[in-house]
C-alpha atoms as a PDB file:
ATOM      1  CA  MET A   1    -163.301-185.389 -19.678  1.00  0.00           C
ATOM      2  CA  SER A   2    -163.424-186.065 -15.939  1.00  0.00           C
ATOM      3  CA  ASP A   3    -159.790-184.891 -15.702  1.00  0.00           C
ATOM      4  CA  PHE A   4    -160.809-181.214 -15.929  1.00  0.00           C
ATOM      5  CA  LYS A   5    -158.948-178.809 -13.591  1.00  0.00           C
ATOM      6  CA  ASN A   6    -161.863-176.576 -12.597  1.00  0.00           C
ATOM      7  CA  SER A   7    -165.353-175.575 -13.660  1.00  0.00           C
ATOM      8  CA  TYR A   8    -164.076-173.040 -16.185  1.00  0.00           C
ATOM      9  CA  GLU A   9    -161.981-175.665 -17.991  1.00  0.00           C
ATOM     10  CA  LEU A  10    -164.901-178.104 -17.932  1.00  0.00           C
ATOM     11  CA  VAL A  11    -167.144-175.577 -19.659  1.00  0.00           C
ATOM     12  CA  THR A  12    -164.358-174.657 -22.091  1.00  0.00           C
ATOM     13  CA  MET A  13    -163.742-178.291 -23.076  1.00  0.00           C
ATOM     14  CA  ILE A  14    -167.452-178.954 -23.639  1.00  0.00           C
ATOM     15  CA  THR A  15    -167.764-175.718 -25.611  1.00  0.00           C
ATOM     16  CA  LEU A  16    -164.963-176.845 -27.932  1.00  0.00           C
ATOM     17  CA  CYS A  17    -166.791-180.149 -28.449  1.00  0.00           C
ATOM     18  CA  ILE A  18    -169.935-178.189 -29.333  1.00  0.00           C
ATOM     19  CA  HIS A  19    -167.937-176.204 -31.896  1.00  0.00           C
ATOM     20  CA  ALA A  20    -166.729-179.483 -33.426  1.00  0.00           C
ATOM     21  CA  HIS A  21    -170.318-180.714 -33.576  1.00  0.00           C
ATOM     22  CA  SER A  22    -171.392-177.464 -35.203  1.00  0.00           C
ATOM     23  CA  ASP A  23    -168.657-177.740 -37.844  1.00  0.00           C
ATOM     24  CA  ALA A  24    -169.676-181.314 -38.651  1.00  0.00           C
ATOM     25  CA  CYS A  25    -173.304-180.242 -39.075  1.00  0.00           C
ATOM     26  CA  SER A  26    -172.797-176.999 -40.962  1.00  0.00           C
ATOM     27  CA  ARG A  27    -169.798-177.918 -43.121  1.00  0.00           C
ATOM     28  CA  LYS A  28    -170.219-181.652 -43.704  1.00  0.00           C
ATOM     29  CA  GLY A  29    -173.903-182.197 -42.964  1.00  0.00           C
ATOM     30  CA  TYR A  30    -173.415-184.852 -40.282  1.00  0.00           C
ATOM     31  CA  LEU A  31    -175.052-185.318 -36.882  1.00  0.00           C
ATOM     32  CA  HIS A  32    -173.140-187.214 -34.171  1.00  0.00           C
ATOM     33  CA  ARG A  33    -176.164-188.923 -32.498  1.00  0.00           C
ATOM     34  CA  ASP A  34    -174.169-190.376 -29.554  1.00  0.00           C
ATOM     35  CA  VAL A  35    -172.924-187.385 -27.567  1.00  0.00           C
ATOM     36  CA  SER A  36    -171.821-188.786 -24.191  1.00  0.00           C
ATOM     37  CA  VAL A  37    -169.128-188.530 -21.511  1.00  0.00           C
ATOM     38  CA  GLY A  38    -167.243-191.416 -23.114  1.00  0.00           C
ATOM     39  CA  ASN A  39    -167.138-189.627 -26.456  1.00  0.00           C
ATOM     40  CA  THR A  40    -165.919-186.248 -25.175  1.00  0.00           C
ATOM     41  CA  LEU A  41    -162.231-186.152 -24.289  1.00  0.00           C
ATOM     42  CA  ILE A  42    -159.560-183.724 -23.127  1.00  0.00           C
ATOM     43  CA  TYR A  43    -156.674-183.870 -25.586  1.00  0.00           C
ATOM     44  CA  PRO A  44    -153.226-182.283 -25.009  1.00  0.00           C
ATOM     45  CA  GLU A  45    -152.610-180.674 -28.384  1.00  0.00           C
ATOM     46  CA  PRO A  46    -149.009-179.659 -29.250  1.00  0.00           C
ATOM     47  CA  THR A  47    -149.093-175.955 -30.072  1.00  0.00           C
ATOM     48  CA  LEU A  48    -146.353-173.679 -31.435  1.00  0.00           C
ATOM     49  CA  THR A  49    -146.023-170.520 -29.336  1.00  0.00           C
ATOM     50  CA  PRO A  50    -145.041-167.072 -30.692  1.00  0.00           C
ATOM     51  CA  ASP A  51    -141.520-167.494 -29.288  1.00  0.00           C
ATOM     52  CA  GLY A  52    -140.997-170.643 -31.365  1.00  0.00           C
ATOM     53  CA  THR A  53    -141.359-173.219 -28.596  1.00  0.00           C
ATOM     54  CA  TRP A  54    -143.892-176.006 -28.347  1.00  0.00           C
ATOM     55  CA  GLU A  55    -146.336-176.457 -25.491  1.00  0.00           C
ATOM     56  CA  GLU A  56    -149.328-178.671 -24.869  1.00  0.00           C
ATOM     57  CA  VAL A  57    -152.698-176.921 -24.887  1.00  0.00           C
ATOM     58  CA  ARG A  58    -155.652-178.883 -23.533  1.00  0.00           C
ATOM     59  CA  VAL A  59    -158.590-178.931 -25.945  1.00  0.00           C
ATOM     60  CA  GLY A  60    -161.953-180.663 -26.026  1.00  0.00           C
ATOM     61  CA  LEU A  61    -162.309-183.505 -28.530  1.00  0.00           C
ATOM     62  CA  LEU A  62    -165.574-185.039 -29.743  1.00  0.00           C
ATOM     63  CA  THR A  63    -164.846-188.635 -30.780  1.00  0.00           C
ATOM     64  CA  ASP A  64    -166.517-191.852 -31.947  1.00  0.00           C
ATOM     65  CA  TRP A  65    -168.532-190.788 -34.965  1.00  0.00           C
ATOM     66  CA  GLU A  66    -169.538-194.344 -35.926  1.00  0.00           C
ATOM     67  CA  LEU A  67    -173.247-193.597 -35.400  1.00  0.00           C
ATOM     68  CA  ALA A  68    -173.115-190.271 -37.239  1.00  0.00           C
ATOM     69  CA  LYS A  69    -175.718-189.749 -39.922  1.00  0.00           C
ATOM     70  CA  SER A  70    -176.468-187.167 -42.568  1.00  0.00           C
ATOM     71  CA  VAL A  71    -178.557-184.319 -41.181  1.00  0.00           C
ATOM     72  CA  LYS A  72    -180.894-184.778 -44.156  1.00  0.00           C
ATOM     73  CA  GLY A  73    -181.709-188.254 -42.874  1.00  0.00           C
ATOM     74  CA  THR A  74    -182.633-187.075 -39.387  1.00  0.00           C
ATOM     75  CA  VAL A  75    -185.570-184.782 -40.065  1.00  0.00           C
ATOM     76  CA  ASP A  76    -188.394-184.824 -37.567  1.00  0.00           C
ATOM     77  CA  GLY A  77    -190.700-187.701 -38.274  1.00  0.00           C
ATOM     78  CA  ALA A  78    -187.929-190.097 -39.279  1.00  0.00           C
ATOM     79  CA  ARG A  79    -188.174-193.541 -37.715  1.00  0.00           C
ATOM     80  CA  GLN A  80    -185.395-195.763 -36.416  1.00  0.00           C
ATOM     81  CA  PRO A  81    -185.725-199.461 -35.518  1.00  0.00           C
ATOM     82  CA  ASP A  82    -183.576-199.008 -32.406  1.00  0.00           C
ATOM     83  CA  ARG A  83    -182.605-196.142 -30.142  1.00  0.00           C
ATOM     84  CA  THR A  84    -179.372-194.380 -31.039  1.00  0.00           C
ATOM     85  CA  GLY A  85    -177.165-193.029 -28.274  1.00  0.00           C
ATOM     86  CA  THR A  86    -176.068-193.644 -24.697  1.00  0.00           C
ATOM     87  CA  TRP A  87    -179.042-193.838 -22.336  1.00  0.00           C
ATOM     88  CA  GLN A  88    -177.693-191.566 -19.586  1.00  0.00           C
ATOM     89  CA  PHE A  89    -177.032-188.706 -22.010  1.00  0.00           C
ATOM     90  CA  MET A  90    -179.897-189.031 -24.469  1.00  0.00           C
ATOM     91  CA  SER A  91    -182.399-186.194 -24.639  1.00  0.00           C
ATOM     92  CA  ALA A  92    -185.592-186.433 -22.622  1.00  0.00           C
ATOM     93  CA  SER A  93    -187.729-186.480 -25.743  1.00  0.00           C
ATOM     94  CA  ALA A  94    -185.642-189.253 -27.347  1.00  0.00           C
ATOM     95  CA  LEU A  95    -186.099-191.365 -24.217  1.00  0.00           C
ATOM     96  CA  ALA A  96    -189.823-190.677 -24.299  1.00  0.00           C
ATOM     97  CA  ASP A  97    -190.163-192.024 -27.860  1.00  0.00           C
ATOM     98  CA  PRO A  98    -188.176-195.160 -28.786  1.00  0.00           C
ATOM     99  CA  LYS A  99    -188.677-194.528 -32.506  1.00  0.00           C
ATOM    100  CA  LYS A 100    -187.859-190.823 -32.518  1.00  0.00           C
ATOM    101  CA  GLY A 101    -185.359-189.663 -35.124  1.00  0.00           C
ATOM    102  CA  ILE A 102    -182.408-187.889 -33.468  1.00  0.00           C
ATOM    103  CA  ILE A 103    -182.097-184.236 -34.513  1.00  0.00           C
ATOM    104  CA  VAL A 104    -179.674-181.406 -33.708  1.00  0.00           C
ATOM    105  CA  GLN A 105    -181.600-180.321 -30.616  1.00  0.00           C
ATOM    106  CA  ASP A 106    -181.235-183.802 -29.120  1.00  0.00           C
ATOM    107  CA  ASP A 107    -177.449-183.714 -29.485  1.00  0.00           C
ATOM    108  CA  MET A 108    -177.313-180.214 -27.980  1.00  0.00           C
ATOM    109  CA  GLU A 109    -179.320-181.373 -24.984  1.00  0.00           C
ATOM    110  CA  SER A 110    -176.877-184.264 -24.557  1.00  0.00           C
ATOM    111  CA  PHE A 111    -174.053-181.768 -24.036  1.00  0.00           C
ATOM    112  CA  PHE A 112    -176.009-180.318 -21.122  1.00  0.00           C
ATOM    113  CA  HIS A 113    -176.421-183.772 -19.603  1.00  0.00           C
ATOM    114  CA  ILE A 114    -172.637-184.282 -19.873  1.00  0.00           C
ATOM    115  CA  LEU A 115    -172.041-180.964 -18.120  1.00  0.00           C
ATOM    116  CA  LEU A 116    -174.442-181.869 -15.336  1.00  0.00           C
ATOM    117  CA  TYR A 117    -173.075-185.410 -14.975  1.00  0.00           C
ATOM    118  CA  LEU A 118    -169.517-184.185 -14.459  1.00  0.00           C
ATOM    119  CA  ALA A 119    -170.484-181.185 -12.342  1.00  0.00           C
ATOM    120  CA  ILE A 120    -172.610-183.183  -9.920  1.00  0.00           C
ATOM    121  CA  ARG A 121    -169.815-185.742  -9.492  1.00  0.00           C
ATOM    122  CA  TYR A 122    -166.766-183.502  -9.189  1.00  0.00           C
ATOM    123  CA  LEU A 123    -167.754-179.925  -8.303  1.00  0.00           C
ATOM    124  CA  PRO A 124    -168.984-178.569  -4.945  1.00  0.00           C
ATOM    125  CA  HIS A 125    -172.746-178.263  -4.567  1.00  0.00           C
ATOM    126  CA  ASN A 126    -175.579-178.651  -2.076  1.00  0.00           C
ATOM    127  CA  CYS A 127    -176.970-181.998  -3.271  1.00  0.00           C
ATOM    128  CA  SER A 128    -176.739-184.323  -0.242  1.00  0.00           C
ATOM    129  CA  ASN A 129    -177.685-187.539  -2.056  1.00  0.00           C
ATOM    130  CA  VAL A 130    -175.544-187.605  -5.190  1.00  0.00           C
ATOM    131  CA  GLY A 131    -176.038-191.306  -5.842  1.00  0.00           C
ATOM    132  CA  GLY A 132    -179.800-191.067  -5.583  1.00  0.00           C
ATOM    133  CA  PHE A 133    -179.947-188.003  -7.818  1.00  0.00           C
ATOM    134  CA  MET A 134    -177.714-189.557 -10.484  1.00  0.00           C
ATOM    135  CA  ASP A 135    -179.686-192.785 -10.477  1.00  0.00           C
ATOM    136  CA  ALA A 136    -182.996-190.964 -10.891  1.00  0.00           C
ATOM    137  CA  TYR A 137    -181.768-188.411 -13.431  1.00  0.00           C
ATOM    138  CA  PHE A 138    -179.405-190.420 -15.621  1.00  0.00           C
ATOM    139  CA  ASP A 139    -180.633-193.998 -15.235  1.00  0.00           C
ATOM    140  CA  GLY A 140    -184.297-193.418 -14.452  1.00  0.00           C
ATOM    141  CA  HIS A 141    -186.738-195.398 -16.587  1.00  0.00           C
ATOM    142  CA  HIS A 142    -190.071-197.168 -16.683  1.00  0.00           C
ATOM    143  CA  LYS A 143    -191.397-199.997 -18.809  1.00  0.00           C
ATOM    144  CA  GLU A 144    -194.610-200.051 -20.829  1.00  0.00           C
ATOM    145  CA  ASN A 145    -195.737-202.834 -23.155  1.00  0.00           C
ATOM    146  CA  GLY A 146    -192.284-204.351 -23.212  1.00  0.00           C
ATOM    147  CA  GLU A 147    -190.481-201.100 -24.086  1.00  0.00           C
ATOM    148  CA  TYR A 148    -188.343-198.876 -21.866  1.00  0.00           C
ATOM    149  CA  PHE A 149    -188.888-195.140 -21.545  1.00  0.00           C
ATOM    150  CA  GLY A 150    -186.930-192.399 -19.785  1.00  0.00           C
ATOM    151  CA  GLY A 151    -187.530-191.380 -16.186  1.00  0.00           C
ATOM    152  CA  VAL A 152    -189.591-188.457 -14.956  1.00  0.00           C
ATOM    153  CA  VAL A 153    -186.710-186.531 -13.333  1.00  0.00           C
ATOM    154  CA  LYS A 154    -184.875-185.722 -16.575  1.00  0.00           C
ATOM    155  CA  MET A 155    -188.127-184.982 -18.416  1.00  0.00           C
ATOM    156  CA  ASN A 156    -189.408-182.681 -15.668  1.00  0.00           C
ATOM    157  CA  THR A 157    -186.069-180.873 -15.574  1.00  0.00           C
ATOM    158  CA  MET A 158    -186.240-180.178 -19.289  1.00  0.00           C
ATOM    159  CA  ARG A 159    -189.918-179.230 -19.233  1.00  0.00           C
ATOM    160  CA  ASN A 160    -189.925-177.075 -16.112  1.00  0.00           C
ATOM    161  CA  GLY A 161    -186.447-175.592 -16.229  1.00  0.00           C
ATOM    162  CA  GLU A 162    -185.762-176.565 -12.626  1.00  0.00           C
ATOM    163  CA  LEU A 163    -182.856-178.682 -11.403  1.00  0.00           C
ATOM    164  CA  THR A 164    -183.790-180.039  -7.986  1.00  0.00           C
ATOM    165  CA  SER A 165    -182.964-182.780  -5.500  1.00  0.00           C
ATOM    166  CA  ALA A 166    -185.464-183.681  -2.765  1.00  0.00           C
ATOM    167  CA  ASP A 167    -187.566-180.768  -4.063  1.00  0.00           C
ATOM    168  CA  ALA A 168    -184.778-178.258  -3.307  1.00  0.00           C
ATOM    169  CA  PRO A 169    -182.896-176.368  -6.048  1.00  0.00           C
ATOM    170  CA  ILE A 170    -179.405-177.711  -6.695  1.00  0.00           C
ATOM    171  CA  THR A 171    -176.780-175.006  -6.255  1.00  0.00           C
ATOM    172  CA  PHE A 172    -173.207-175.255  -7.515  1.00  0.00           C
ATOM    173  CA  TYR A 173    -170.559-173.325  -5.611  1.00  0.00           C
ATOM    174  CA  ILE A 174    -168.329-171.822  -8.271  1.00  0.00           C
ATOM    175  CA  LYS A 175    -165.294-169.706  -7.372  1.00  0.00           C
ATOM    176  CA  GLU A 176    -163.508-169.446 -10.720  1.00  0.00           C
ATOM    177  CA  LYS A 177    -163.875-166.573 -13.150  1.00  0.00           C
ATOM    178  CA  PRO A 178    -165.726-165.758 -15.298  1.00  0.00           C
ATOM    179  CA  ALA A 179    -168.465-165.953 -12.727  1.00  0.00           C
ATOM    180  CA  ASN A 180    -170.844-168.888 -12.865  1.00  0.00           C
ATOM    181  CA  PRO A 181    -169.771-170.539 -16.157  1.00  0.00           C
ATOM    182  CA  LEU A 182    -172.029-173.516 -15.449  1.00  0.00           C
ATOM    183  CA  ALA A 183    -175.147-171.381 -15.349  1.00  0.00           C
ATOM    184  CA  GLN A 184    -174.142-169.464 -18.474  1.00  0.00           C
ATOM    185  CA  THR A 185    -173.503-172.628 -20.460  1.00  0.00           C
ATOM    186  CA  ALA A 186    -176.652-174.307 -19.146  1.00  0.00           C
ATOM    187  CA  ARG A 187    -178.675-171.307 -20.271  1.00  0.00           C
ATOM    188  CA  THR A 188    -177.118-171.459 -23.739  1.00  0.00           C
ATOM    189  CA  LEU A 189    -177.464-175.207 -24.207  1.00  0.00           C
ATOM    190  CA  VAL A 190    -180.970-175.722 -22.942  1.00  0.00           C
ATOM    191  CA  GLY A 191    -182.422-172.284 -23.517  1.00  0.00           C
ATOM    192  CA  THR A 192    -181.346-171.993 -27.136  1.00  0.00           C
ATOM    193  CA  HIS A 193    -181.015-175.611 -28.198  1.00  0.00           C
ATOM    194  CA  SER A 194    -183.617-177.441 -26.089  1.00  0.00           C
ATOM    195  CA  SER A 195    -185.236-180.576 -27.481  1.00  0.00           C
ATOM    196  CA  SER A 196    -188.954-180.949 -27.994  1.00  0.00           C
ATOM    197  CA  ALA A 197    -189.322-181.178 -24.215  1.00  0.00           C
ATOM    198  CA  ASN A 198    -188.448-177.531 -24.758  1.00  0.00           C
ATOM    199  CA  SER A 199    -187.978-175.518 -21.610  1.00  0.00           C
ATOM    200  CA  PRO A 200    -184.803-173.679 -20.559  1.00  0.00           C
ATOM    201  CA  ILE A 201    -182.978-174.984 -17.536  1.00  0.00           C
ATOM    202  CA  ALA A 202    -182.921-172.621 -14.591  1.00  0.00           C
ATOM    203  CA  SER A 203    -179.512-171.177 -13.839  1.00  0.00           C
ATOM    204  CA  HIS A 204    -178.334-171.450 -10.257  1.00  0.00           C
ATOM    205  CA  GLN A 205    -175.634-169.215  -8.869  1.00  0.00           C
END
């Protein structure tokens, strides 16, 4: 997924992965439960054009469904012996509760974390300490009674709807059209499909 050409293609590829996730849930009744950068790919799909020639069209592909589970088995209150997912992209609420059953909202939040992970690494923005931000947001954790829990930065972002670094709002400088696709997608993902941390992410121009 890191091979995206610009911010618009990044959002498009992730959106296509969300559509695949939606189809799996609505048509087949399965939840992915490990939505991560490693499981979202850009695939050059051979496509027949109206003039009868073939060309490759880049599409988003959601892969690695080994941990998928029936939606009926993931109702709130379900208990799992071990966490399911990739730490950096798990929802804030899943990281806050080691035994939490993964539900649709958790997977939707994971798509936002993928978007942020790739945007902060490859797109222009005003964050001066990328390494420090990524460590705190994606790898942050604390230990209590022998168990690991997620860090405060991701949880506060989900709860407060503010994406900041050194207490300053993070701004992405987007030139492509349509205007500000990152903010639009962030609003959709976290505003509509937030996990039980449940607060929409602020959109930054």
